[in-house]
Amino acid sequence: MPYRLGLAATLAGSLLIALTSGTAWADGDDYSRCNVPLSDWKPREAVEAALKDRGWTVQSIRSDDGCYKVKVLTETGEKRRVKLNPQTLEPVDETD
Protein backbone atom coordinates (compact mmCIF):
# COMPACT_ATOMS: atom_id res chain seq x y z
CA MET A 1 0.00 0.00 0.00
CA PRO A 2 2.73 2.58 0.80
CA TYR A 3 4.29 1.84 -2.62
CA ARG A 4 1.07 2.85 -4.39
CA LEU A 5 0.81 6.10 -2.44
CA GLY A 6 4.41 7.00 -3.33
CA LEU A 7 3.76 6.22 -6.99
CA ALA A 8 0.55 8.27 -7.00
CA ALA A 9 2.34 11.23 -5.38
CA THR A 10 5.18 11.01 -7.91
CA LEU A 11 2.76 10.91 -10.83
CA ALA A 12 0.72 13.80 -9.44
CA GLY A 13 3.88 15.87 -8.93
CA SER A 14 5.08 15.12 -12.46
CA LEU A 15 1.72 16.11 -13.90
CA LEU A 16 1.72 19.35 -11.92
CA ILE A 17 5.21 20.23 -13.16
CA ALA A 18 4.27 19.46 -16.76
CA LEU A 19 1.12 21.58 -16.62
CA THR A 20 2.74 24.59 -14.97
CA SER A 21 5.79 24.57 -17.24
CA GLY A 22 3.50 24.60 -20.30
CA THR A 23 1.69 27.63 -18.93
CA ALA A 24 4.94 29.50 -18.35
CA TRP A 25 6.05 28.76 -21.92
CA ALA A 26 2.78 30.06 -23.36
CA ASP A 27 3.22 33.41 -21.58
CA GLY A 28 6.41 34.05 -23.53
CA ASP A 29 4.98 32.94 -26.85
CA ASP A 30 5.15 35.25 -29.89
CA TYR A 31 1.36 35.36 -29.98
CA SER A 32 1.30 37.54 -26.87
CA ARG A 33 3.42 40.09 -28.73
CA CYS A 34 1.19 39.98 -31.82
CA ASN A 35 -2.23 39.92 -30.21
CA VAL A 36 -3.74 42.51 -32.57
CA PRO A 37 -7.28 42.54 -33.99
CA LEU A 38 -7.32 41.89 -37.74
CA SER A 39 -8.90 45.30 -38.33
CA ASP A 40 -5.72 46.94 -36.94
CA TRP A 41 -3.27 45.03 -39.16
CA LYS A 42 -1.26 47.09 -41.62
CA PRO A 43 -1.58 45.88 -45.23
CA ARG A 44 1.05 43.72 -46.90
CA GLU A 45 2.14 46.68 -49.01
CA ALA A 46 3.10 48.53 -45.81
CA VAL A 47 5.13 45.50 -44.68
CA GLU A 48 7.01 45.46 -47.98
CA ALA A 49 7.64 49.21 -47.82
CA ALA A 50 8.91 49.06 -44.22
CA LEU A 51 11.32 46.24 -45.04
CA LYS A 52 12.45 47.94 -48.25
CA ASP A 53 13.30 51.02 -46.13
CA ARG A 54 15.67 48.75 -44.17
CA GLY A 55 17.34 47.74 -47.41
CA TRP A 56 15.78 44.28 -47.38
CA THR A 57 14.24 42.40 -50.32
CA VAL A 58 11.03 40.55 -49.44
CA GLN A 59 10.87 36.94 -50.61
CA SER A 60 7.59 35.96 -48.93
CA ILE A 61 5.01 37.23 -46.46
CA ARG A 62 2.50 35.16 -44.52
CA SER A 63 0.69 35.26 -41.22
CA ASP A 64 1.72 32.97 -38.38
CA ASP A 65 0.49 32.96 -34.75
CA GLY A 66 -1.02 36.42 -35.16
CA CYS A 67 2.19 37.91 -36.58
CA TYR A 68 3.46 38.64 -40.05
CA LYS A 69 6.19 36.12 -40.85
CA VAL A 70 8.48 37.26 -43.64
CA LYS A 71 11.48 35.82 -45.44
CA VAL A 72 13.91 38.47 -46.63
CA LEU A 73 17.31 39.02 -48.13
CA THR A 74 19.29 41.66 -46.28
CA GLU A 75 21.36 44.32 -48.04
CA THR A 76 24.35 41.96 -47.73
CA GLY A 77 22.46 39.05 -49.32
CA GLU A 78 21.89 37.21 -46.04
CA LYS A 79 18.65 35.19 -45.78
CA ARG A 80 16.53 35.93 -42.71
CA ARG A 81 13.14 35.04 -41.27
CA VAL A 82 11.48 37.78 -39.27
CA LYS A 83 8.22 37.90 -37.32
CA LEU A 84 6.63 41.34 -37.21
CA ASN A 85 3.91 42.81 -35.04
CA PRO A 86 1.15 43.44 -37.62
CA GLN A 87 0.18 46.80 -36.12
CA THR A 88 3.60 48.38 -35.49
CA LEU A 89 5.63 46.33 -38.00
CA GLU A 90 8.35 46.05 -35.35
CA PRO A 91 10.28 42.75 -35.20
CA VAL A 92 9.21 40.41 -32.41
CA ASP A 93 11.50 37.57 -33.45
CA GLU A 94 14.34 37.33 -35.92
CA THR A 95 16.19 34.22 -37.05
CA ASP A 96 18.69 33.40 -39.74
PDB file of N, CA and C in Angstrom:
ATOM      1  N   MET A   1       0.808  -1.205   0.000  1.00  0.00           N
ATOM      2  CA  MET A   1       0.000   0.000   0.000  1.00  0.00           C
ATOM      3  C   MET A   1       0.851   1.269   0.000  1.00  0.00           C
ATOM      4  N   PRO A   2       1.906   1.375   0.825  1.00  0.00           N
ATOM      5  CA  PRO A   2       2.729   2.584   0.800  1.00  0.00           C
ATOM      6  C   PRO A   2       3.382   2.814  -0.583  1.00  0.00           C
ATOM      7  N   TYR A   3       3.697   1.724  -1.294  1.00  0.00           N
ATOM      8  CA  TYR A   3       4.290   1.841  -2.615  1.00  0.00           C
ATOM      9  C   TYR A   3       3.340   2.571  -3.561  1.00  0.00           C
ATOM     10  N   ARG A   4       2.069   2.232  -3.514  1.00  0.00           N
ATOM     11  CA  ARG A   4       1.071   2.852  -4.392  1.00  0.00           C
ATOM     12  C   ARG A   4       0.897   4.335  -4.075  1.00  0.00           C
ATOM     13  N   LEU A   5       0.938   4.684  -2.803  1.00  0.00           N
ATOM     14  CA  LEU A   5       0.811   6.099  -2.440  1.00  0.00           C
ATOM     15  C   LEU A   5       2.012   6.894  -2.947  1.00  0.00           C
ATOM     16  N   GLY A   6       3.194   6.328  -2.833  1.00  0.00           N
ATOM     17  CA  GLY A   6       4.406   6.996  -3.330  1.00  0.00           C
ATOM     18  C   GLY A   6       4.365   7.174  -4.837  1.00  0.00           C
ATOM     19  N   LEU A   7       3.883   6.151  -5.537  1.00  0.00           N
ATOM     20  CA  LEU A   7       3.763   6.217  -6.991  1.00  0.00           C
ATOM     21  C   LEU A   7       2.734   7.271  -7.394  1.00  0.00           C
ATOM     22  N   ALA A   8       1.604   7.287  -6.700  1.00  0.00           N
ATOM     23  CA  ALA A   8       0.554   8.274  -7.000  1.00  0.00           C
ATOM     24  C   ALA A   8       1.066   9.692  -6.752  1.00  0.00           C
ATOM     25  N   ALA A   9       1.801   9.896  -5.682  1.00  0.00           N
ATOM     26  CA  ALA A   9       2.340  11.232  -5.378  1.00  0.00           C
ATOM     27  C   ALA A   9       3.360  11.647  -6.438  1.00  0.00           C
ATOM     28  N   THR A  10       4.182  10.718  -6.870  1.00  0.00           N
ATOM     29  CA  THR A  10       5.176  11.013  -7.906  1.00  0.00           C
ATOM     30  C   THR A  10       4.495  11.387  -9.216  1.00  0.00           C
ATOM     31  N   LEU A  11       3.483  10.614  -9.600  1.00  0.00           N
ATOM     32  CA  LEU A  11       2.760  10.909 -10.832  1.00  0.00           C
ATOM     33  C   LEU A  11       2.041  12.252 -10.749  1.00  0.00           C
ATOM     34  N   ALA A  12       1.418  12.526  -9.613  1.00  0.00           N
ATOM     35  CA  ALA A  12       0.718  13.796  -9.435  1.00  0.00           C
ATOM     36  C   ALA A  12       1.700  14.965  -9.505  1.00  0.00           C
ATOM     37  N   GLY A  13       2.858  14.817  -8.883  1.00  0.00           N
ATOM     38  CA  GLY A  13       3.878  15.868  -8.932  1.00  0.00           C
ATOM     39  C   GLY A  13       4.391  16.088 -10.340  1.00  0.00           C
ATOM     40  N   SER A  14       4.610  15.010 -11.080  1.00  0.00           N
ATOM     41  CA  SER A  14       5.076  15.120 -12.460  1.00  0.00           C
ATOM     42  C   SER A  14       4.045  15.819 -13.334  1.00  0.00           C
ATOM     43  N   LEU A  15       2.798  15.482 -13.138  1.00  0.00           N
ATOM     44  CA  LEU A  15       1.720  16.113 -13.903  1.00  0.00           C
ATOM     45  C   LEU A  15       1.647  17.604 -13.589  1.00  0.00           C
ATOM     46  N   LEU A  16       1.764  17.945 -12.328  1.00  0.00           N
ATOM     47  CA  LEU A  16       1.721  19.350 -11.925  1.00  0.00           C
ATOM     48  C   LEU A  16       2.867  20.139 -12.551  1.00  0.00           C
ATOM     49  N   ILE A  17       4.050  19.573 -12.551  1.00  0.00           N
ATOM     50  CA  ILE A  17       5.210  20.233 -13.160  1.00  0.00           C
ATOM     51  C   ILE A  17       4.993  20.409 -14.661  1.00  0.00           C
ATOM     52  N   ALA A  18       4.496  19.382 -15.316  1.00  0.00           N
ATOM     53  CA  ALA A  18       4.266  19.456 -16.759  1.00  0.00           C
ATOM     54  C   ALA A  18       3.231  20.526 -17.098  1.00  0.00           C
ATOM     55  N   LEU A  19       2.174  20.597 -16.340  1.00  0.00           N
ATOM     56  CA  LEU A  19       1.125  21.576 -16.622  1.00  0.00           C
ATOM     57  C   LEU A  19       1.584  22.999 -16.363  1.00  0.00           C
ATOM     58  N   THR A  20       2.301  23.226 -15.283  1.00  0.00           N
ATOM     59  CA  THR A  20       2.743  24.585 -14.975  1.00  0.00           C
ATOM     60  C   THR A  20       3.869  25.039 -15.881  1.00  0.00           C
ATOM     61  N   SER A  21       4.722  24.153 -16.338  1.00  0.00           N
ATOM     62  CA  SER A  21       5.792  24.571 -17.243  1.00  0.00           C
ATOM     63  C   SER A  21       5.216  24.930 -18.605  1.00  0.00           C
ATOM     64  N   GLY A  22       4.159  24.255 -19.042  1.00  0.00           N
ATOM     65  CA  GLY A  22       3.497  24.603 -20.299  1.00  0.00           C
ATOM     66  C   GLY A  22       2.861  25.969 -20.231  1.00  0.00           C
ATOM     67  N   THR A  23       2.307  26.319 -19.097  1.00  0.00           N
ATOM     68  CA  THR A  23       1.694  27.629 -18.930  1.00  0.00           C
ATOM     69  C   THR A  23       2.753  28.719 -18.973  1.00  0.00           C
ATOM     70  N   ALA A  24       3.868  28.502 -18.345  1.00  0.00           N
ATOM     71  CA  ALA A  24       4.943  29.500 -18.353  1.00  0.00           C
ATOM     72  C   ALA A  24       5.462  29.703 -19.773  1.00  0.00           C
ATOM     73  N   TRP A  25       5.569  28.648 -20.554  1.00  0.00           N
ATOM     74  CA  TRP A  25       6.047  28.758 -21.921  1.00  0.00           C
ATOM     75  C   TRP A  25       5.073  29.564 -22.758  1.00  0.00           C
ATOM     76  N   ALA A  26       3.782  29.355 -22.567  1.00  0.00           N
ATOM     77  CA  ALA A  26       2.784  30.059 -23.362  1.00  0.00           C
ATOM     78  C   ALA A  26       2.814  31.559 -23.097  1.00  0.00           C
ATOM     79  N   ASP A  27       3.165  31.984 -21.885  1.00  0.00           N
ATOM     80  CA  ASP A  27       3.222  33.407 -21.581  1.00  0.00           C
ATOM     81  C   ASP A  27       4.292  34.122 -22.394  1.00  0.00           C
ATOM     82  N   GLY A  28       5.344  33.435 -22.763  1.00  0.00           N
ATOM     83  CA  GLY A  28       6.415  34.054 -23.529  1.00  0.00           C
ATOM     84  C   GLY A  28       6.282  33.830 -25.020  1.00  0.00           C
ATOM     85  N   ASP A  29       5.186  33.266 -25.459  1.00  0.00           N
ATOM     86  CA  ASP A  29       4.976  32.941 -26.853  1.00  0.00           C
ATOM     87  C   ASP A  29       4.870  34.207 -27.693  1.00  0.00           C
ATOM     88  N   ASP A  30       5.237  34.113 -28.973  1.00  0.00           N
ATOM     89  CA  ASP A  30       5.154  35.247 -29.886  1.00  0.00           C
ATOM     90  C   ASP A  30       3.740  35.783 -30.006  1.00  0.00           C
ATOM     91  N   TYR A  31       2.748  34.923 -29.830  1.00  0.00           N
ATOM     92  CA  TYR A  31       1.365  35.363 -29.979  1.00  0.00           C
ATOM     93  C   TYR A  31       1.038  36.511 -29.036  1.00  0.00           C
ATOM     94  N   SER A  32       1.591  36.479 -27.829  1.00  0.00           N
ATOM     95  CA  SER A  32       1.297  37.537 -26.873  1.00  0.00           C
ATOM     96  C   SER A  32       1.834  38.881 -27.361  1.00  0.00           C
ATOM     97  N   ARG A  33       2.856  38.852 -28.194  1.00  0.00           N
ATOM     98  CA  ARG A  33       3.419  40.090 -28.730  1.00  0.00           C
ATOM     99  C   ARG A  33       2.720  40.525 -30.007  1.00  0.00           C
ATOM    100  N   CYS A  34       1.886  39.675 -30.572  1.00  0.00           N
ATOM    101  CA  CYS A  34       1.190  39.978 -31.822  1.00  0.00           C
ATOM    102  C   CYS A  34      -0.322  39.860 -31.651  1.00  0.00           C
ATOM    103  N   ASN A  35      -0.804  40.054 -30.474  1.00  0.00           N
ATOM    104  CA  ASN A  35      -2.234  39.921 -30.206  1.00  0.00           C
ATOM    105  C   ASN A  35      -2.939  41.201 -30.652  1.00  0.00           C
ATOM    106  N   VAL A  36      -3.177  41.311 -31.961  1.00  0.00           N
ATOM    107  CA  VAL A  36      -3.736  42.510 -32.569  1.00  0.00           C
ATOM    108  C   VAL A  36      -4.978  42.119 -33.361  1.00  0.00           C
ATOM    109  N   PRO A  37      -6.092  42.844 -33.185  1.00  0.00           N
ATOM    110  CA  PRO A  37      -7.277  42.542 -33.994  1.00  0.00           C
ATOM    111  C   PRO A  37      -6.964  42.699 -35.485  1.00  0.00           C
ATOM    112  N   LEU A  38      -7.566  41.874 -36.307  1.00  0.00           N
ATOM    113  CA  LEU A  38      -7.319  41.886 -37.738  1.00  0.00           C
ATOM    114  C   LEU A  38      -7.602  43.265 -38.354  1.00  0.00           C
ATOM    115  N   SER A  39      -8.562  43.968 -37.810  1.00  0.00           N
ATOM    116  CA  SER A  39      -8.904  45.301 -38.332  1.00  0.00           C
ATOM    117  C   SER A  39      -7.770  46.312 -38.134  1.00  0.00           C
ATOM    118  N   ASP A  40      -6.833  46.029 -37.212  1.00  0.00           N
ATOM    119  CA  ASP A  40      -5.717  46.937 -36.943  1.00  0.00           C
ATOM    120  C   ASP A  40      -4.423  46.543 -37.652  1.00  0.00           C
ATOM    121  N   TRP A  41      -4.467  45.462 -38.430  1.00  0.00           N
ATOM    122  CA  TRP A  41      -3.272  45.033 -39.156  1.00  0.00           C
ATOM    123  C   TRP A  41      -2.967  46.017 -40.275  1.00  0.00           C
ATOM    124  N   LYS A  42      -1.686  46.292 -40.461  1.00  0.00           N
ATOM    125  CA  LYS A  42      -1.260  47.085 -41.615  1.00  0.00           C
ATOM    126  C   LYS A  42      -1.269  46.167 -42.834  1.00  0.00           C
ATOM    127  N   PRO A  43      -1.535  46.728 -44.021  1.00  0.00           N
ATOM    128  CA  PRO A  43      -1.576  45.879 -45.227  1.00  0.00           C
ATOM    129  C   PRO A  43      -0.191  45.365 -45.619  1.00  0.00           C
ATOM    130  N   ARG A  44      -0.195  44.341 -46.441  1.00  0.00           N
ATOM    131  CA  ARG A  44       1.048  43.717 -46.899  1.00  0.00           C
ATOM    132  C   ARG A  44       1.957  44.721 -47.606  1.00  0.00           C
ATOM    133  N   GLU A  45       1.360  45.662 -48.311  1.00  0.00           N
ATOM    134  CA  GLU A  45       2.143  46.683 -49.011  1.00  0.00           C
ATOM    135  C   GLU A  45       2.962  47.511 -48.014  1.00  0.00           C
ATOM    136  N   ALA A  46       2.381  47.780 -46.848  1.00  0.00           N
ATOM    137  CA  ALA A  46       3.096  48.530 -45.807  1.00  0.00           C
ATOM    138  C   ALA A  46       4.255  47.709 -45.253  1.00  0.00           C
ATOM    139  N   VAL A  47       4.063  46.396 -45.142  1.00  0.00           N
ATOM    140  CA  VAL A  47       5.135  45.504 -44.676  1.00  0.00           C
ATOM    141  C   VAL A  47       6.290  45.559 -45.671  1.00  0.00           C
ATOM    142  N   GLU A  48       5.969  45.413 -46.951  1.00  0.00           N
ATOM    143  CA  GLU A  48       7.010  45.455 -47.983  1.00  0.00           C
ATOM    144  C   GLU A  48       7.753  46.787 -47.965  1.00  0.00           C
ATOM    145  N   ALA A  49       7.018  47.886 -47.832  1.00  0.00           N
ATOM    146  CA  ALA A  49       7.640  49.214 -47.820  1.00  0.00           C
ATOM    147  C   ALA A  49       8.554  49.386 -46.607  1.00  0.00           C
ATOM    148  N   ALA A  50       8.101  48.927 -45.435  1.00  0.00           N
ATOM    149  CA  ALA A  50       8.910  49.061 -44.218  1.00  0.00           C
ATOM    150  C   ALA A  50      10.209  48.261 -44.332  1.00  0.00           C
ATOM    151  N   LEU A  51      10.127  47.072 -44.897  1.00  0.00           N
ATOM    152  CA  LEU A  51      11.320  46.241 -45.037  1.00  0.00           C
ATOM    153  C   LEU A  51      12.237  46.767 -46.139  1.00  0.00           C
ATOM    154  N   LYS A  52      11.654  47.334 -47.187  1.00  0.00           N
ATOM    155  CA  LYS A  52      12.451  47.942 -48.249  1.00  0.00           C
ATOM    156  C   LYS A  52      13.231  49.131 -47.699  1.00  0.00           C
ATOM    157  N   ASP A  53      12.617  49.898 -46.776  1.00  0.00           N
ATOM    158  CA  ASP A  53      13.304  51.022 -46.134  1.00  0.00           C
ATOM    159  C   ASP A  53      14.528  50.566 -45.354  1.00  0.00           C
ATOM    160  N   ARG A  54      14.509  49.324 -44.873  1.00  0.00           N
ATOM    161  CA  ARG A  54      15.669  48.753 -44.165  1.00  0.00           C
ATOM    162  C   ARG A  54      16.735  48.253 -45.132  1.00  0.00           C
ATOM    163  N   GLY A  55      16.402  48.252 -46.409  1.00  0.00           N
ATOM    164  CA  GLY A  55      17.336  47.740 -47.406  1.00  0.00           C
ATOM    165  C   GLY A  55      17.157  46.257 -47.668  1.00  0.00           C
ATOM    166  N   TRP A  56      16.029  45.703 -47.226  1.00  0.00           N
ATOM    167  CA  TRP A  56      15.779  44.276 -47.381  1.00  0.00           C
ATOM    168  C   TRP A  56      14.866  44.009 -48.579  1.00  0.00           C
ATOM    169  N   THR A  57      15.079  42.863 -49.223  1.00  0.00           N
ATOM    170  CA  THR A  57      14.235  42.404 -50.317  1.00  0.00           C
ATOM    171  C   THR A  57      13.318  41.310 -49.792  1.00  0.00           C
ATOM    172  N   VAL A  58      12.011  41.504 -49.946  1.00  0.00           N
ATOM    173  CA  VAL A  58      11.030  40.547 -49.437  1.00  0.00           C
ATOM    174  C   VAL A  58      10.910  39.367 -50.385  1.00  0.00           C
ATOM    175  N   GLN A  59      11.048  38.166 -49.831  1.00  0.00           N
ATOM    176  CA  GLN A  59      10.868  36.941 -50.610  1.00  0.00           C
ATOM    177  C   GLN A  59       9.467  36.370 -50.418  1.00  0.00           C
ATOM    178  N   SER A  60       8.951  36.441 -49.189  1.00  0.00           N
ATOM    179  CA  SER A  60       7.588  35.958 -48.933  1.00  0.00           C
ATOM    180  C   SER A  60       7.043  36.604 -47.663  1.00  0.00           C
ATOM    181  N   ILE A  61       5.718  36.713 -47.633  1.00  0.00           N
ATOM    182  CA  ILE A  61       5.011  37.233 -46.464  1.00  0.00           C
ATOM    183  C   ILE A  61       3.840  36.305 -46.195  1.00  0.00           C
ATOM    184  N   ARG A  62       3.682  35.927 -44.926  1.00  0.00           N
ATOM    185  CA  ARG A  62       2.502  35.157 -44.522  1.00  0.00           C
ATOM    186  C   ARG A  62       2.182  35.495 -43.077  1.00  0.00           C
ATOM    187  N   SER A  63       1.031  35.059 -42.623  1.00  0.00           N
ATOM    188  CA  SER A  63       0.686  35.265 -41.217  1.00  0.00           C
ATOM    189  C   SER A  63       0.945  33.973 -40.458  1.00  0.00           C
ATOM    190  N   ASP A  64       1.390  34.125 -39.202  1.00  0.00           N
ATOM    191  CA  ASP A  64       1.717  32.967 -38.376  1.00  0.00           C
ATOM    192  C   ASP A  64       1.568  33.370 -36.919  1.00  0.00           C
ATOM    193  N   ASP A  65       0.706  32.694 -36.178  1.00  0.00           N
ATOM    194  CA  ASP A  65       0.493  32.961 -34.748  1.00  0.00           C
ATOM    195  C   ASP A  65       0.152  34.418 -34.473  1.00  0.00           C
ATOM    196  N   GLY A  66      -0.607  35.037 -35.368  1.00  0.00           N
ATOM    197  CA  GLY A  66      -1.020  36.420 -35.160  1.00  0.00           C
ATOM    198  C   GLY A  66       0.011  37.447 -35.572  1.00  0.00           C
ATOM    199  N   CYS A  67       1.128  37.007 -36.133  1.00  0.00           N
ATOM    200  CA  CYS A  67       2.193  37.908 -36.583  1.00  0.00           C
ATOM    201  C   CYS A  67       2.332  37.802 -38.100  1.00  0.00           C
ATOM    202  N   TYR A  68       2.981  38.802 -38.691  1.00  0.00           N
ATOM    203  CA  TYR A  68       3.463  38.637 -40.052  1.00  0.00           C
ATOM    204  C   TYR A  68       4.772  37.867 -39.950  1.00  0.00           C
ATOM    205  N   LYS A  69       4.946  36.866 -40.784  1.00  0.00           N
ATOM    206  CA  LYS A  69       6.190  36.125 -40.847  1.00  0.00           C
ATOM    207  C   LYS A  69       6.745  36.330 -42.255  1.00  0.00           C
ATOM    208  N   VAL A  70       7.922  36.925 -42.341  1.00  0.00           N
ATOM    209  CA  VAL A  70       8.485  37.255 -43.644  1.00  0.00           C
ATOM    210  C   VAL A  70       9.854  36.618 -43.818  1.00  0.00           C
ATOM    211  N   LYS A  71      10.147  36.278 -45.050  1.00  0.00           N
ATOM    212  CA  LYS A  71      11.478  35.825 -45.442  1.00  0.00           C
ATOM    213  C   LYS A  71      12.058  36.942 -46.289  1.00  0.00           C
ATOM    214  N   VAL A  72      13.275  37.353 -45.943  1.00  0.00           N
ATOM    215  CA  VAL A  72      13.908  38.473 -46.631  1.00  0.00           C
ATOM    216  C   VAL A  72      15.355  38.164 -46.964  1.00  0.00           C
ATOM    217  N   LEU A  73      15.878  38.958 -47.880  1.00  0.00           N
ATOM    218  CA  LEU A  73      17.306  39.017 -48.133  1.00  0.00           C
ATOM    219  C   LEU A  73      17.760  40.376 -47.639  1.00  0.00           C
ATOM    220  N   THR A  74      18.779  40.394 -46.788  1.00  0.00           N
ATOM    221  CA  THR A  74      19.293  41.663 -46.280  1.00  0.00           C
ATOM    222  C   THR A  74      20.118  42.351 -47.369  1.00  0.00           C
ATOM    223  N   GLU A  75      20.550  43.565 -47.076  1.00  0.00           N
ATOM    224  CA  GLU A  75      21.356  44.322 -48.042  1.00  0.00           C
ATOM    225  C   GLU A  75      22.671  43.621 -48.364  1.00  0.00           C
ATOM    226  N   THR A  76      23.114  42.716 -47.482  1.00  0.00           N
ATOM    227  CA  THR A  76      24.348  41.962 -47.726  1.00  0.00           C
ATOM    228  C   THR A  76      24.084  40.598 -48.365  1.00  0.00           C
ATOM    229  N   GLY A  77      22.821  40.315 -48.687  1.00  0.00           N
ATOM    230  CA  GLY A  77      22.463  39.055 -49.323  1.00  0.00           C
ATOM    231  C   GLY A  77      22.195  37.922 -48.355  1.00  0.00           C
ATOM    232  N   GLU A  78      22.149  38.221 -47.064  1.00  0.00           N
ATOM    233  CA  GLU A  78      21.890  37.210 -46.037  1.00  0.00           C
ATOM    234  C   GLU A  78      20.390  36.898 -45.980  1.00  0.00           C
ATOM    235  N   LYS A  79      20.047  35.604 -45.907  1.00  0.00           N
ATOM    236  CA  LYS A  79      18.651  35.193 -45.781  1.00  0.00           C
ATOM    237  C   LYS A  79      18.229  35.274 -44.324  1.00  0.00           C
ATOM    238  N   ARG A  80      17.051  35.842 -44.072  1.00  0.00           N
ATOM    239  CA  ARG A  80      16.527  35.935 -42.708  1.00  0.00           C
ATOM    240  C   ARG A  80      15.036  35.658 -42.707  1.00  0.00           C
ATOM    241  N   ARG A  81      14.582  35.181 -41.545  1.00  0.00           N
ATOM    242  CA  ARG A  81      13.143  35.041 -41.271  1.00  0.00           C
ATOM    243  C   ARG A  81      12.839  35.975 -40.116  1.00  0.00           C
ATOM    244  N   VAL A  82      11.816  36.791 -40.278  1.00  0.00           N
ATOM    245  CA  VAL A  82      11.483  37.784 -39.267  1.00  0.00           C
ATOM    246  C   VAL A  82       9.992  37.736 -38.998  1.00  0.00           C
ATOM    247  N   LYS A  83       9.622  37.753 -37.700  1.00  0.00           N
ATOM    248  CA  LYS A  83       8.221  37.901 -37.317  1.00  0.00           C
ATOM    249  C   LYS A  83       8.007  39.353 -36.926  1.00  0.00           C
ATOM    250  N   LEU A  84       6.931  39.940 -37.460  1.00  0.00           N
ATOM    251  CA  LEU A  84       6.634  41.342 -37.208  1.00  0.00           C
ATOM    252  C   LEU A  84       5.285  41.491 -36.523  1.00  0.00           C
ATOM    253  N   ASN A  85       5.203  42.441 -35.610  1.00  0.00           N
ATOM    254  CA  ASN A  85       3.912  42.808 -35.043  1.00  0.00           C
ATOM    255  C   ASN A  85       3.110  43.434 -36.181  1.00  0.00           C
ATOM    256  N   PRO A  86       1.900  42.961 -36.458  1.00  0.00           N
ATOM    257  CA  PRO A  86       1.151  43.438 -37.623  1.00  0.00           C
ATOM    258  C   PRO A  86       0.635  44.879 -37.498  1.00  0.00           C
ATOM    259  N   GLN A  87       0.651  45.431 -36.314  1.00  0.00           N
ATOM    260  CA  GLN A  87       0.177  46.802 -36.124  1.00  0.00           C
ATOM    261  C   GLN A  87       1.333  47.799 -36.187  1.00  0.00           C
ATOM    262  N   THR A  88       2.455  47.455 -35.550  1.00  0.00           N
ATOM    263  CA  THR A  88       3.595  48.375 -35.495  1.00  0.00           C
ATOM    264  C   THR A  88       4.667  48.072 -36.536  1.00  0.00           C
ATOM    265  N   LEU A  89       4.639  46.856 -37.072  1.00  0.00           N
ATOM    266  CA  LEU A  89       5.632  46.333 -37.998  1.00  0.00           C
ATOM    267  C   LEU A  89       7.028  46.273 -37.380  1.00  0.00           C
ATOM    268  N   GLU A  90       7.089  46.230 -36.062  1.00  0.00           N
ATOM    269  CA  GLU A  90       8.349  46.053 -35.348  1.00  0.00           C
ATOM    270  C   GLU A  90       8.653  44.559 -35.223  1.00  0.00           C
ATOM    271  N   PRO A  91       9.918  44.162 -35.364  1.00  0.00           N
ATOM    272  CA  PRO A  91      10.280  42.745 -35.203  1.00  0.00           C
ATOM    273  C   PRO A  91       9.994  42.247 -33.784  1.00  0.00           C
ATOM    274  N   VAL A  92       9.405  41.062 -33.697  1.00  0.00           N
ATOM    275  CA  VAL A  92       9.208  40.407 -32.410  1.00  0.00           C
ATOM    276  C   VAL A  92      10.093  39.170 -32.298  1.00  0.00           C
ATOM    277  N   ASP A  93      10.605  38.717 -33.433  1.00  0.00           N
ATOM    278  CA  ASP A  93      11.505  37.566 -33.449  1.00  0.00           C
ATOM    279  C   ASP A  93      12.242  37.585 -34.767  1.00  0.00           C
ATOM    280  N   GLU A  94      13.526  37.314 -34.708  1.00  0.00           N
ATOM    281  CA  GLU A  94      14.337  37.327 -35.923  1.00  0.00           C
ATOM    282  C   GLU A  94      15.288  36.151 -35.878  1.00  0.00           C
ATOM    283  N   THR A  95      15.296  35.368 -36.962  1.00  0.00           N
ATOM    284  CA  THR A  95      16.186  34.218 -37.053  1.00  0.00           C
ATOM    285  C   THR A  95      16.868  34.217 -38.407  1.00  0.00           C
ATOM    286  N   ASP A  96      17.977  33.525 -38.467  1.00  0.00           N
ATOM    287  CA  ASP A  96      18.691  33.400 -39.743  1.00  0.00           C
ATOM    288  C   ASP A  96      18.145  32.231 -40.525  1.00  0.00           C
TER     289      ASP A  96
END
